[in-house]
Protein backbone atom coordinates (compact mmCIF):
# COMPACT_ATOMS: atom_id res chain seq x y z
CA UNK A 1 68.98 26.34 -30.40
CA UNK A 2 67.01 28.87 -28.41
CA UNK A 3 64.16 27.42 -26.30
CA UNK A 4 60.93 29.37 -26.33
CA UNK A 5 58.76 29.58 -23.18
CA UNK A 6 55.42 27.73 -23.39
CA UNK A 7 52.60 30.17 -24.14
CA UNK A 8 49.46 30.25 -21.94
CA UNK A 9 46.68 28.07 -23.29
CA UNK A 10 49.02 25.74 -25.15
CA UNK A 11 48.07 22.01 -24.55
CA UNK A 12 50.24 20.09 -22.12
CA UNK A 13 52.08 17.03 -23.25
CA UNK A 14 51.12 13.52 -22.08
CA UNK A 15 54.22 13.40 -19.90
CA UNK A 16 53.25 16.67 -18.20
CA UNK A 17 49.73 15.43 -17.54
CA UNK A 18 51.09 12.24 -16.01
CA UNK A 19 53.34 14.24 -13.73
CA UNK A 20 50.53 16.52 -12.60
CA UNK A 21 48.25 13.57 -11.94
CA UNK A 22 50.81 12.12 -9.55
CA UNK A 23 51.13 15.46 -7.73
CA UNK A 24 47.44 16.48 -7.58
CA UNK A 25 45.26 14.22 -5.34
CA UNK A 26 42.06 15.52 -6.87
CA UNK A 27 43.08 15.02 -10.48
CA UNK A 28 40.72 12.85 -12.57
CA UNK A 29 43.75 11.25 -14.21
CA UNK A 30 45.37 10.27 -10.94
CA UNK A 31 45.85 6.53 -10.61
CA UNK A 32 44.38 5.12 -7.37
CA UNK A 33 46.90 3.85 -4.87
CA UNK A 34 46.42 0.35 -3.33
CA UNK A 35 45.18 2.00 -0.12
CA UNK A 36 42.67 4.13 -2.00
CA UNK A 37 41.37 1.09 -3.86
CA UNK A 38 40.89 -0.79 -0.60
CA UNK A 39 38.94 2.14 0.83
CA UNK A 40 36.67 2.19 -2.22
CA UNK A 41 36.05 -1.54 -1.89
CA UNK A 42 35.17 -1.20 1.80
CA UNK A 43 32.83 1.74 1.19
CA UNK A 44 31.11 -0.04 -1.71
CA UNK A 45 30.73 -3.24 0.33
CA UNK A 46 29.23 -1.27 3.22
CA UNK A 47 26.66 0.35 0.94
CA UNK A 48 25.69 -3.02 -0.53
CA UNK A 49 25.34 -4.52 2.95
CA UNK A 50 23.10 -1.67 4.15
CA UNK A 51 20.93 -2.05 1.05
CA UNK A 52 20.61 -5.81 1.60
CA UNK A 53 19.65 -5.30 5.25
CA UNK A 54 17.06 -2.71 4.27
CA UNK A 55 15.54 -5.01 1.65
CA UNK A 56 15.46 -7.92 4.11
CA UNK A 57 13.72 -5.81 6.75
CA UNK A 58 11.18 -4.61 4.19
CA UNK A 59 10.53 -8.20 3.09
CA UNK A 60 10.00 -9.44 6.64
CA UNK A 61 8.14 -6.51 8.20
CA UNK A 62 6.44 -4.73 5.31
CA UNK A 63 2.78 -5.32 4.44
CA UNK A 64 1.85 -8.13 2.08
CA UNK A 65 -0.83 -7.34 -0.48
CA UNK A 66 -2.56 -9.47 -3.10
CA UNK A 67 -5.62 -9.36 -5.33
CA UNK A 68 -7.27 -11.93 -7.57
CA UNK A 69 -10.30 -11.80 -9.88
CA UNK A 70 -12.58 -14.62 -11.04
CA UNK A 71 -16.05 -14.98 -12.54
CA UNK A 72 -18.56 -16.85 -10.38
CA UNK A 73 -21.82 -18.15 -11.85
CA UNK A 74 -24.05 -16.81 -9.09
CA UNK A 75 -25.96 -13.61 -8.46
CA UNK A 76 -23.90 -10.93 -6.68
CA UNK A 77 -26.41 -10.72 -3.82
CA UNK A 78 -25.87 -14.43 -3.10
CA UNK A 79 -22.11 -13.89 -2.99
CA UNK A 80 -22.15 -11.00 -0.51
CA UNK A 81 -24.53 -12.94 1.73
CA UNK A 82 -22.37 -16.06 1.62
CA UNK A 83 -19.15 -14.13 2.29
CA UNK A 84 -20.61 -12.92 5.59
CA UNK A 85 -21.43 -16.48 6.68
CA UNK A 86 -18.77 -17.67 9.18
CA UNK A 87 -19.33 -21.27 8.10
CA UNK A 88 -18.49 -20.38 4.49
CA UNK A 89 -15.41 -18.40 5.50
CA UNK A 90 -14.17 -21.26 7.67
CA UNK A 91 -14.16 -23.53 4.60
CA UNK A 92 -12.83 -20.98 2.13
CA UNK A 93 -9.98 -19.73 4.36
CA UNK A 94 -9.12 -23.08 5.99
CA UNK A 95 -5.56 -23.42 4.59
CA UNK A 96 -4.81 -19.84 5.61
CA UNK A 97 -6.36 -19.53 9.09
CA UNK A 98 -8.93 -20.98 11.47
CA UNK A 99 -11.88 -18.59 11.54
CA UNK A 100 -14.67 -18.58 14.15
CA UNK A 101 -17.58 -16.20 14.64
CA UNK A 102 -17.74 -13.89 17.66
CA UNK A 103 -21.04 -12.27 16.75
CA UNK A 104 -22.00 -8.75 15.62
CA UNK A 105 -19.87 -9.01 12.47
CA UNK A 106 -16.70 -9.98 14.34
CA UNK A 107 -14.45 -12.94 13.54
CA UNK A 108 -11.59 -14.54 15.48
CA UNK A 109 -8.58 -15.65 13.44
CA UNK A 110 -5.74 -18.05 14.19
CA UNK A 111 -3.06 -18.03 11.51
CA UNK A 112 -1.95 -21.50 10.39
CA UNK A 113 1.82 -21.33 10.86
CA UNK A 114 4.14 -23.57 12.90
CA UNK A 115 4.98 -22.71 16.48
CA UNK A 116 3.00 -20.08 18.37
CA UNK A 117 0.59 -18.72 15.71
CA UNK A 118 -0.61 -15.12 15.94
CA UNK A 119 -4.31 -14.53 16.64
CA UNK A 120 -6.45 -11.49 16.01
CA UNK A 121 -10.04 -10.32 15.60
CA UNK A 122 -11.65 -8.56 12.66
CA UNK A 123 -14.83 -6.57 12.28
CA UNK A 124 -17.04 -5.89 9.28
CA UNK A 125 -16.78 -2.19 8.45
CA UNK A 126 -18.82 -1.93 5.25
CA UNK A 127 -21.38 -4.01 3.40
CA UNK A 128 -23.29 -3.21 0.23
CA UNK A 129 -25.50 -6.10 -0.88
CA UNK A 130 -24.43 -7.34 -4.30
CA UNK A 131 -21.42 -4.99 -4.40
CA UNK A 132 -19.02 -5.05 -1.47
CA UNK A 133 -18.03 -6.66 1.84
CA UNK A 134 -15.08 -5.16 3.70
CA UNK A 135 -13.53 -6.02 7.05
CA UNK A 136 -10.38 -5.16 8.97
CA UNK A 137 -8.57 -5.94 12.21
CA UNK A 138 -9.96 -4.36 15.35
CA UNK A 139 -7.84 -1.58 16.92
CA UNK A 140 -4.90 -2.95 18.88
CA UNK A 141 -4.85 -6.32 17.11
CA UNK A 142 -1.49 -8.11 16.96
CA UNK A 143 -1.82 -8.52 13.20
CA UNK A 144 -3.17 -5.92 10.79
CA UNK A 145 -5.52 -7.39 8.19
CA UNK A 146 -7.75 -5.71 5.66
CA UNK A 147 -9.87 -7.55 3.11
CA UNK A 148 -12.45 -6.68 0.49
CA UNK A 149 -14.77 -8.70 -1.68
CA UNK A 150 -15.92 -6.55 -4.61
CA UNK A 151 -18.57 -7.63 -7.08
CA UNK A 152 -19.92 -6.49 -10.42
CA UNK A 153 -21.69 -8.14 -13.36
CA UNK A 154 -19.31 -10.14 -15.56
CA UNK A 155 -19.10 -9.34 -19.30
CA UNK A 156 -21.72 -10.94 -21.56
CA UNK A 157 -23.85 -11.82 -18.55
CA UNK A 158 -21.53 -14.64 -17.48
CA UNK A 159 -22.12 -14.52 -13.75
CA UNK A 160 -20.42 -12.08 -11.38
CA UNK A 161 -16.91 -10.73 -11.62
CA UNK A 162 -15.56 -11.34 -8.11
CA UNK A 163 -12.47 -9.55 -6.80
CA UNK A 164 -10.82 -10.59 -3.55
CA UNK A 165 -8.21 -8.25 -2.05
CA UNK A 166 -6.09 -8.88 1.06
CA UNK A 167 -3.52 -6.77 2.89
CA UNK A 168 -1.67 -8.36 5.79
CA UNK A 169 1.03 -7.04 8.11
CA UNK A 170 2.55 -8.38 11.31
CA UNK A 171 5.31 -6.91 13.50
CA UNK A 172 8.67 -8.65 13.21
CA UNK A 173 8.39 -11.97 11.42
CA UNK A 174 5.25 -13.44 13.02
CA UNK A 175 4.05 -14.64 9.64
CA UNK A 176 6.93 -17.09 9.46
CA UNK A 177 9.22 -17.88 6.50
CA UNK A 178 7.02 -20.73 5.29
CA UNK A 179 4.01 -18.43 5.04
CA UNK A 180 5.98 -15.79 3.15
CA UNK A 181 7.49 -18.40 0.85
CA UNK A 182 4.01 -19.61 -0.10
CA UNK A 183 3.03 -16.05 -0.93
CA UNK A 184 -0.15 -14.21 -0.04
CA UNK A 185 -1.13 -14.17 -3.71
CA UNK A 186 -1.38 -17.98 -3.84
CA UNK A 187 -3.44 -18.03 -0.65
CA UNK A 188 -5.84 -15.38 -1.95
CA UNK A 189 -6.20 -17.21 -5.26
CA UNK A 190 -6.85 -20.49 -3.47
CA UNK A 191 -9.48 -18.88 -1.24
CA UNK A 192 -11.25 -17.38 -4.23
CA UNK A 193 -11.20 -20.71 -6.11
CA UNK A 194 -12.68 -22.51 -3.11
CA UNK A 195 -15.35 -19.84 -2.80
CA UNK A 196 -16.19 -20.19 -6.49
CA UNK A 197 -16.46 -23.99 -6.20
CA UNK A 198 -18.61 -23.74 -3.09
CA UNK A 199 -20.98 -21.24 -4.67
CA UNK A 200 -21.26 -23.00 -8.05
CA UNK A 201 -21.09 -26.69 -7.09
CA UNK A 202 -22.05 -26.59 -3.41
CA UNK A 203 -18.77 -28.19 -2.30
CA UNK A 204 -15.02 -27.72 -2.37
CA UNK A 205 -13.14 -30.48 -4.28
CA UNK A 206 -10.52 -32.33 -2.22
CA UNK A 207 -8.24 -35.31 -2.83
CA UNK A 208 -9.94 -37.07 0.06
CA UNK A 209 -13.25 -37.14 -1.80
CA UNK A 210 -11.61 -38.10 -5.07
CA UNK A 211 -9.05 -40.86 -4.51
CA UNK A 212 -8.48 -41.14 -8.25
CA UNK A 213 -6.96 -37.65 -8.17
CA UNK A 214 -4.18 -38.66 -5.80
CA UNK A 215 -0.75 -39.01 -7.36
CA UNK A 216 0.51 -42.56 -7.79
């Protein structure tokens, strides 16, 4: 029989493709060698490690932010006035930090974390009676803190819709793992609940005052 030459454009056989894949390093059909597979594993592992390190750094050094909203059965003017009272803040923020007044709208903070706790000062930067109280860390403070208490009438005339917003950032890991594990959101919610109780009932409920509430 006479063999005919293969015409241009005619599909290659599976055997021919296999042979080309072994000869052409860039072929999509080329089977990876053991060395090539090891390289891919190392590269992929390196990318995953870099991503994990980046996420860990962001979790330990990035700003924490939280906001909670509750209705408080008091006039908004009473709430803005109370929020500027250092005695009220000392009770409301007690589990989070020790707060003392420095005068002229400034407060001194000591974060409640084990070891050597960070300290910083804040200043009131904006007040609108019945609407807003906002303060932030003074320039050069070791810890950057911003906070806002925003107020507006609650629906159906049920008191005042009270929004508490915090943003907190410290260099390195000064906040401590225990603080981050608790979460800023829980601390902000707890502060707002204590503020609500203090404004509505005149006191903050504790287990010490109610022995019956202690677990058996």
